[in-house]
Amino acid sequence: MDDVRGEWRRHWTVDLGGMMGYSCIGLQTFAFGPFVVAIQSEFGWSRAAVMSGLTMMSGLGIGLNILGGVAVDKFGSRRVALLGQILLCGAFAAVSRATGSTMDWVMHWSLMAVAIALMQGPTWTGMVAQLFSRGRGLAIAAVLTGSSVTAAVTPLLATALLQGVGWRMALVGTSLIWLAVTFPLSAALFIARKALSG
């Protein structure tokens, strides 16, 4: 038991940084729902057409996730994770620039798929798994609760912004606020030099 406590005393900050960073992976899933009706209304699309971006992104992820793992092996967890965090929030904000053309929609969600590939669970849990031994299961579970934080908070945030500034600015605002909250913590805490390759 002392070993578990010792691990947490030494590395809890890395775990917290990982949890906050991993929370971004749910942004496009949990925060997008409030925007669907507004996008339908502006573009004259069906709900299925609006949601096709998520479906396509998931399909692309099947192959791209492997490349994300290769990137972690080559550049280290921290570099890939922080880059992915910025790219994902940026890609979500970029949906605000959608024109209503099918090709444009495909391009936006393809960019999201690339960002998601860098943000998968192993990117954030690999370093934690190296640092924790006796408490590894709990440490990994704590990182993965980040997506639950997103599920609880971002729909409320997106809805509030949507009612105030419209769907385009609300997408940007949701992305920037979430990045502003999570990125400084991830950048400051998700670091363990002996566990990094870069």
C-alpha atoms as a PDB file:
ATOM      1  CA  MET A   1       0.000   0.000   0.000  1.00  0.00           C
ATOM      2  CA  ASP A   2       2.876   2.333   0.749  1.00  0.00           C
ATOM      3  CA  ASP A   3       4.158   1.765  -2.774  1.00  0.00           C
ATOM      4  CA  VAL A   4       0.839   2.890  -4.230  1.00  0.00           C
ATOM      5  CA  ARG A   5       0.769   5.999  -2.065  1.00  0.00           C
ATOM      6  CA  GLY A   6       4.363   6.773  -2.995  1.00  0.00           C
ATOM      7  CA  GLU A   7       3.584   6.538  -6.709  1.00  0.00           C
ATOM      8  CA  TRP A   8       0.657   8.921  -6.336  1.00  0.00           C
ATOM      9  CA  ARG A   9       2.709  11.371  -4.281  1.00  0.00           C
ATOM     10  CA  ARG A  10       5.384  11.447  -6.961  1.00  0.00           C
ATOM     11  CA  HIS A  11       3.259  11.373 -10.112  1.00  0.00           C
ATOM     12  CA  TRP A  12      -0.279  12.633  -9.411  1.00  0.00           C
ATOM     13  CA  THR A  13       0.422  15.818 -11.338  1.00  0.00           C
ATOM     14  CA  VAL A  14       1.230  13.841 -14.496  1.00  0.00           C
ATOM     15  CA  ASP A  15      -2.040  11.986 -14.074  1.00  0.00           C
ATOM     16  CA  LEU A  16      -3.995  15.222 -13.666  1.00  0.00           C
ATOM     17  CA  GLY A  17      -2.319  16.734 -16.739  1.00  0.00           C
ATOM     18  CA  GLY A  18      -3.197  13.620 -18.728  1.00  0.00           C
ATOM     19  CA  MET A  19      -6.809  13.703 -17.564  1.00  0.00           C
ATOM     20  CA  MET A  20      -7.225  17.340 -18.582  1.00  0.00           C
ATOM     21  CA  GLY A  21      -5.602  16.751 -21.955  1.00  0.00           C
ATOM     22  CA  TYR A  22      -7.583  13.600 -22.662  1.00  0.00           C
ATOM     23  CA  SER A  23     -10.787  15.505 -21.929  1.00  0.00           C
ATOM     24  CA  CYS A  24     -10.398  17.184 -25.330  1.00  0.00           C
ATOM     25  CA  ILE A  25     -10.969  13.910 -27.163  1.00  0.00           C
ATOM     26  CA  GLY A  26     -14.675  14.109 -26.441  1.00  0.00           C
ATOM     27  CA  LEU A  27     -15.137  17.669 -27.659  1.00  0.00           C
ATOM     28  CA  GLN A  28     -16.386  16.839 -31.151  1.00  0.00           C
ATOM     29  CA  THR A  29     -18.732  14.156 -29.770  1.00  0.00           C
ATOM     30  CA  PHE A  30     -20.230  15.729 -26.661  1.00  0.00           C
ATOM     31  CA  ALA A  31     -20.178  19.421 -27.562  1.00  0.00           C
ATOM     32  CA  PHE A  32     -21.459  19.038 -31.127  1.00  0.00           C
ATOM     33  CA  GLY A  33     -25.018  17.979 -30.311  1.00  0.00           C
ATOM     34  CA  PRO A  34     -26.356  21.461 -29.499  1.00  0.00           C
ATOM     35  CA  PHE A  35     -25.219  22.712 -32.921  1.00  0.00           C
ATOM     36  CA  VAL A  36     -27.022  20.168 -35.067  1.00  0.00           C
ATOM     37  CA  VAL A  37     -30.378  21.950 -35.384  1.00  0.00           C
ATOM     38  CA  ALA A  38     -28.766  25.303 -36.181  1.00  0.00           C
ATOM     39  CA  ILE A  39     -26.585  23.744 -38.893  1.00  0.00           C
ATOM     40  CA  GLN A  40     -29.586  21.890 -40.323  1.00  0.00           C
ATOM     41  CA  SER A  41     -31.488  25.138 -40.484  1.00  0.00           C
ATOM     42  CA  GLU A  42     -28.711  27.121 -42.177  1.00  0.00           C
ATOM     43  CA  PHE A  43     -27.704  24.545 -44.775  1.00  0.00           C
ATOM     44  CA  GLY A  44     -31.083  22.856 -45.304  1.00  0.00           C
ATOM     45  CA  TRP A  45     -29.556  19.488 -44.435  1.00  0.00           C
ATOM     46  CA  SER A  46     -31.093  16.477 -42.753  1.00  0.00           C
ATOM     47  CA  ARG A  47     -29.913  15.477 -39.298  1.00  0.00           C
ATOM     48  CA  ALA A  48     -28.209  12.461 -40.872  1.00  0.00           C
ATOM     49  CA  ALA A  49     -26.251  14.732 -43.222  1.00  0.00           C
ATOM     50  CA  VAL A  50     -25.035  16.907 -40.354  1.00  0.00           C
ATOM     51  CA  MET A  51     -24.029  13.884 -38.300  1.00  0.00           C
ATOM     52  CA  SER A  52     -22.270  12.257 -41.271  1.00  0.00           C
ATOM     53  CA  GLY A  53     -19.123  14.133 -40.263  1.00  0.00           C
ATOM     54  CA  LEU A  54     -18.841  12.156 -37.041  1.00  0.00           C
ATOM     55  CA  THR A  55     -19.450   8.893 -38.887  1.00  0.00           C
ATOM     56  CA  MET A  56     -16.811   9.671 -41.502  1.00  0.00           C
ATOM     57  CA  MET A  57     -14.341  10.806 -38.843  1.00  0.00           C
ATOM     58  CA  SER A  58     -14.753   7.500 -37.010  1.00  0.00           C
ATOM     59  CA  GLY A  59     -14.219   5.529 -40.212  1.00  0.00           C
ATOM     60  CA  LEU A  60     -11.029   7.405 -41.061  1.00  0.00           C
ATOM     61  CA  GLY A  61      -9.827   6.879 -37.516  1.00  0.00           C
ATOM     62  CA  ILE A  62      -9.540   3.132 -38.056  1.00  0.00           C
ATOM     63  CA  GLY A  63      -6.418   3.673 -40.149  1.00  0.00           C
ATOM     64  CA  LEU A  64      -5.191   6.955 -38.737  1.00  0.00           C
ATOM     65  CA  ASN A  65      -5.089   5.740 -35.139  1.00  0.00           C
ATOM     66  CA  ILE A  66      -2.245   3.406 -36.073  1.00  0.00           C
ATOM     67  CA  LEU A  67      -0.278   6.383 -37.371  1.00  0.00           C
ATOM     68  CA  GLY A  68      -0.935   8.150 -34.068  1.00  0.00           C
ATOM     69  CA  GLY A  69       0.670   5.250 -32.240  1.00  0.00           C
ATOM     70  CA  VAL A  70       3.677   5.376 -34.553  1.00  0.00           C
ATOM     71  CA  ALA A  71       4.004   9.119 -33.873  1.00  0.00           C
ATOM     72  CA  VAL A  72       4.046   8.484 -30.109  1.00  0.00           C
ATOM     73  CA  ASP A  73       6.806   5.911 -30.527  1.00  0.00           C
ATOM     74  CA  LYS A  74       8.859   8.301 -32.650  1.00  0.00           C
ATOM     75  CA  PHE A  75       8.318  11.653 -30.930  1.00  0.00           C
ATOM     76  CA  GLY A  76       7.172  10.806 -27.408  1.00  0.00           C
ATOM     77  CA  SER A  77       3.806  11.003 -25.673  1.00  0.00           C
ATOM     78  CA  ARG A  78       4.015  14.609 -24.543  1.00  0.00           C
ATOM     79  CA  ARG A  79       4.785  16.164 -27.924  1.00  0.00           C
ATOM     80  CA  VAL A  80       2.122  14.187 -29.742  1.00  0.00           C
ATOM     81  CA  ALA A  81      -0.490  14.704 -27.017  1.00  0.00           C
ATOM     82  CA  LEU A  82      -0.082  18.472 -26.795  1.00  0.00           C
ATOM     83  CA  LEU A  83      -0.033  18.877 -30.569  1.00  0.00           C
ATOM     84  CA  GLY A  84      -3.149  16.742 -30.835  1.00  0.00           C
ATOM     85  CA  GLN A  85      -4.885  18.839 -28.202  1.00  0.00           C
ATOM     86  CA  ILE A  86      -4.245  22.044 -30.146  1.00  0.00           C
ATOM     87  CA  LEU A  87      -5.187  20.481 -33.485  1.00  0.00           C
ATOM     88  CA  LEU A  88      -8.411  18.972 -32.172  1.00  0.00           C
ATOM     89  CA  CYS A  89      -9.668  22.178 -30.582  1.00  0.00           C
ATOM     90  CA  GLY A  90      -8.625  24.067 -33.709  1.00  0.00           C
ATOM     91  CA  ALA A  91     -10.384  21.587 -35.991  1.00  0.00           C
ATOM     92  CA  PHE A  92     -13.572  21.826 -33.943  1.00  0.00           C
ATOM     93  CA  ALA A  93     -13.451  25.613 -34.125  1.00  0.00           C
ATOM     94  CA  ALA A  94     -12.822  25.423 -37.894  1.00  0.00           C
ATOM     95  CA  VAL A  95     -16.203  23.760 -38.421  1.00  0.00           C
ATOM     96  CA  SER A  96     -17.556  27.278 -37.876  1.00  0.00           C
ATOM     97  CA  ARG A  97     -16.189  28.090 -41.360  1.00  0.00           C
ATOM     98  CA  ALA A  98     -18.257  25.397 -43.068  1.00  0.00           C
ATOM     99  CA  THR A  99     -19.796  26.589 -46.325  1.00  0.00           C
ATOM    100  CA  GLY A 100     -22.544  24.037 -46.755  1.00  0.00           C
ATOM    101  CA  SER A 101     -20.836  22.088 -49.532  1.00  0.00           C
ATOM    102  CA  THR A 102     -20.377  18.360 -49.091  1.00  0.00           C
ATOM    103  CA  MET A 103     -16.677  18.471 -49.970  1.00  0.00           C
ATOM    104  CA  ASP A 104     -16.048  21.250 -47.466  1.00  0.00           C
ATOM    105  CA  TRP A 105     -17.815  19.231 -44.757  1.00  0.00           C
ATOM    106  CA  VAL A 106     -15.701  16.182 -45.581  1.00  0.00           C
ATOM    107  CA  MET A 107     -12.492  18.231 -45.345  1.00  0.00           C
ATOM    108  CA  HIS A 108     -13.408  19.647 -41.934  1.00  0.00           C
ATOM    109  CA  TRP A 109     -14.126  16.252 -40.431  1.00  0.00           C
ATOM    110  CA  SER A 110     -11.075  14.701 -42.080  1.00  0.00           C
ATOM    111  CA  LEU A 111      -8.921  17.234 -40.242  1.00  0.00           C
ATOM    112  CA  MET A 112     -10.732  16.266 -37.059  1.00  0.00           C
ATOM    113  CA  ALA A 113      -9.900  12.608 -37.705  1.00  0.00           C
ATOM    114  CA  VAL A 114      -6.182  13.431 -37.971  1.00  0.00           C
ATOM    115  CA  ALA A 115      -6.304  15.323 -34.687  1.00  0.00           C
ATOM    116  CA  ILE A 116      -8.210  12.500 -32.974  1.00  0.00           C
ATOM    117  CA  ALA A 117      -5.539  10.028 -34.079  1.00  0.00           C
ATOM    118  CA  LEU A 118      -3.015  11.962 -32.001  1.00  0.00           C
ATOM    119  CA  MET A 119      -5.343  12.120 -28.997  1.00  0.00           C
ATOM    120  CA  GLN A 120      -6.202   8.458 -28.449  1.00  0.00           C
ATOM    121  CA  GLY A 121      -6.045   6.871 -25.009  1.00  0.00           C
ATOM    122  CA  PRO A 122      -2.590   5.283 -25.434  1.00  0.00           C
ATOM    123  CA  THR A 123      -1.099   8.717 -26.172  1.00  0.00           C
ATOM    124  CA  TRP A 124      -2.148   9.944 -22.730  1.00  0.00           C
ATOM    125  CA  THR A 125      -1.917   6.690 -20.766  1.00  0.00           C
ATOM    126  CA  GLY A 126       1.423   5.420 -22.075  1.00  0.00           C
ATOM    127  CA  MET A 127       3.461   7.778 -19.919  1.00  0.00           C
ATOM    128  CA  VAL A 128       1.247   7.105 -16.909  1.00  0.00           C
ATOM    129  CA  ALA A 129       1.705   3.364 -17.378  1.00  0.00           C
ATOM    130  CA  GLN A 130       5.486   3.839 -17.248  1.00  0.00           C
ATOM    131  CA  LEU A 131       5.353   5.906 -14.063  1.00  0.00           C
ATOM    132  CA  PHE A 132       2.852   3.820 -12.093  1.00  0.00           C
ATOM    133  CA  SER A 133       3.303   0.175 -11.217  1.00  0.00           C
ATOM    134  CA  ARG A 134       1.244  -0.829  -8.178  1.00  0.00           C
ATOM    135  CA  GLY A 135      -1.397   1.838  -8.865  1.00  0.00           C
ATOM    136  CA  ARG A 136      -1.324   1.625 -12.645  1.00  0.00           C
ATOM    137  CA  GLY A 137      -4.956   0.610 -13.172  1.00  0.00           C
ATOM    138  CA  LEU A 138      -6.307   3.448 -11.065  1.00  0.00           C
ATOM    139  CA  ALA A 139      -3.919   5.953 -12.654  1.00  0.00           C
ATOM    140  CA  ILE A 140      -4.974   4.993 -16.179  1.00  0.00           C
ATOM    141  CA  ALA A 141      -8.650   5.055 -15.203  1.00  0.00           C
ATOM    142  CA  ALA A 142      -8.201   8.550 -13.772  1.00  0.00           C
ATOM    143  CA  VAL A 143      -6.748   9.818 -17.070  1.00  0.00           C
ATOM    144  CA  LEU A 144      -9.623   8.306 -19.033  1.00  0.00           C
ATOM    145  CA  THR A 145     -12.215  10.057 -16.856  1.00  0.00           C
ATOM    146  CA  GLY A 146     -11.257  13.196 -18.754  1.00  0.00           C
ATOM    147  CA  SER A 147     -13.820  12.343 -21.425  1.00  0.00           C
ATOM    148  CA  SER A 148     -16.513  12.146 -18.732  1.00  0.00           C
ATOM    149  CA  VAL A 149     -15.634  15.688 -17.667  1.00  0.00           C
ATOM    150  CA  THR A 150     -16.177  16.781 -21.268  1.00  0.00           C
ATOM    151  CA  ALA A 151     -19.492  14.944 -21.466  1.00  0.00           C
ATOM    152  CA  ALA A 152     -20.727  16.704 -18.336  1.00  0.00           C
ATOM    153  CA  VAL A 153     -19.547  20.251 -19.074  1.00  0.00           C
ATOM    154  CA  THR A 154     -19.231  21.002 -22.789  1.00  0.00           C
ATOM    155  CA  PRO A 155     -22.875  20.509 -23.838  1.00  0.00           C
ATOM    156  CA  LEU A 156     -23.870  23.114 -21.248  1.00  0.00           C
ATOM    157  CA  LEU A 157     -21.100  25.447 -22.380  1.00  0.00           C
ATOM    158  CA  ALA A 158     -21.969  25.017 -26.065  1.00  0.00           C
ATOM    159  CA  THR A 159     -25.688  25.570 -25.413  1.00  0.00           C
ATOM    160  CA  ALA A 160     -25.064  28.753 -23.446  1.00  0.00           C
ATOM    161  CA  LEU A 161     -22.810  30.166 -26.162  1.00  0.00           C
ATOM    162  CA  LEU A 162     -25.152  29.079 -28.939  1.00  0.00           C
ATOM    163  CA  GLN A 163     -28.014  31.027 -27.418  1.00  0.00           C
ATOM    164  CA  GLY A 164     -25.860  34.117 -27.075  1.00  0.00           C
ATOM    165  CA  VAL A 165     -23.692  34.366 -30.181  1.00  0.00           C
ATOM    166  CA  GLY A 166     -25.006  31.955 -32.825  1.00  0.00           C
ATOM    167  CA  TRP A 167     -23.632  28.595 -33.891  1.00  0.00           C
ATOM    168  CA  ARG A 168     -20.498  29.728 -35.717  1.00  0.00           C
ATOM    169  CA  MET A 169     -19.085  31.868 -32.914  1.00  0.00           C
ATOM    170  CA  ALA A 170     -20.302  29.335 -30.345  1.00  0.00           C
ATOM    171  CA  LEU A 171     -18.184  26.633 -32.005  1.00  0.00           C
ATOM    172  CA  VAL A 172     -15.152  28.900 -31.828  1.00  0.00           C
ATOM    173  CA  GLY A 173     -15.927  29.941 -28.265  1.00  0.00           C
ATOM    174  CA  THR A 174     -16.439  26.390 -27.024  1.00  0.00           C
ATOM    175  CA  SER A 175     -13.128  25.313 -28.574  1.00  0.00           C
ATOM    176  CA  LEU A 176     -11.133  28.267 -27.258  1.00  0.00           C
ATOM    177  CA  ILE A 177     -12.566  28.074 -23.749  1.00  0.00           C
ATOM    178  CA  TRP A 178     -11.936  24.347 -23.514  1.00  0.00           C
ATOM    179  CA  LEU A 179      -8.395  24.729 -24.839  1.00  0.00           C
ATOM    180  CA  ALA A 180      -7.721  27.642 -22.472  1.00  0.00           C
ATOM    181  CA  VAL A 181      -8.835  25.556 -19.501  1.00  0.00           C
ATOM    182  CA  THR A 182      -7.126  22.284 -20.380  1.00  0.00           C
ATOM    183  CA  PHE A 183      -3.969  23.089 -22.334  1.00  0.00           C
ATOM    184  CA  PRO A 184      -2.075  25.075 -19.666  1.00  0.00           C
ATOM    185  CA  LEU A 185      -2.605  22.242 -17.177  1.00  0.00           C
ATOM    186  CA  SER A 186      -1.556  19.593 -19.675  1.00  0.00           C
ATOM    187  CA  ALA A 187       1.500  21.542 -20.794  1.00  0.00           C
ATOM    188  CA  ALA A 188       2.598  22.219 -17.218  1.00  0.00           C
ATOM    189  CA  LEU A 189       1.835  18.829 -15.666  1.00  0.00           C
ATOM    190  CA  PHE A 190       1.985  16.150 -18.354  1.00  0.00           C
ATOM    191  CA  ILE A 191       5.723  15.770 -18.206  1.00  0.00           C
ATOM    192  CA  ALA A 192       8.015  13.120 -16.797  1.00  0.00           C
ATOM    193  CA  ARG A 193      11.435  13.397 -18.350  1.00  0.00           C
ATOM    194  CA  LYS A 194      12.521   9.857 -17.736  1.00  0.00           C
ATOM    195  CA  ALA A 195       9.359   8.605 -19.489  1.00  0.00           C
ATOM    196  CA  LEU A 196       9.747  10.724 -22.598  1.00  0.00           C
ATOM    197  CA  SER A 197      11.551   9.870 -25.753  1.00  0.00           C
ATOM    198  CA  GLY A 198      11.577  13.496 -26.847  1.00  0.00           C
END
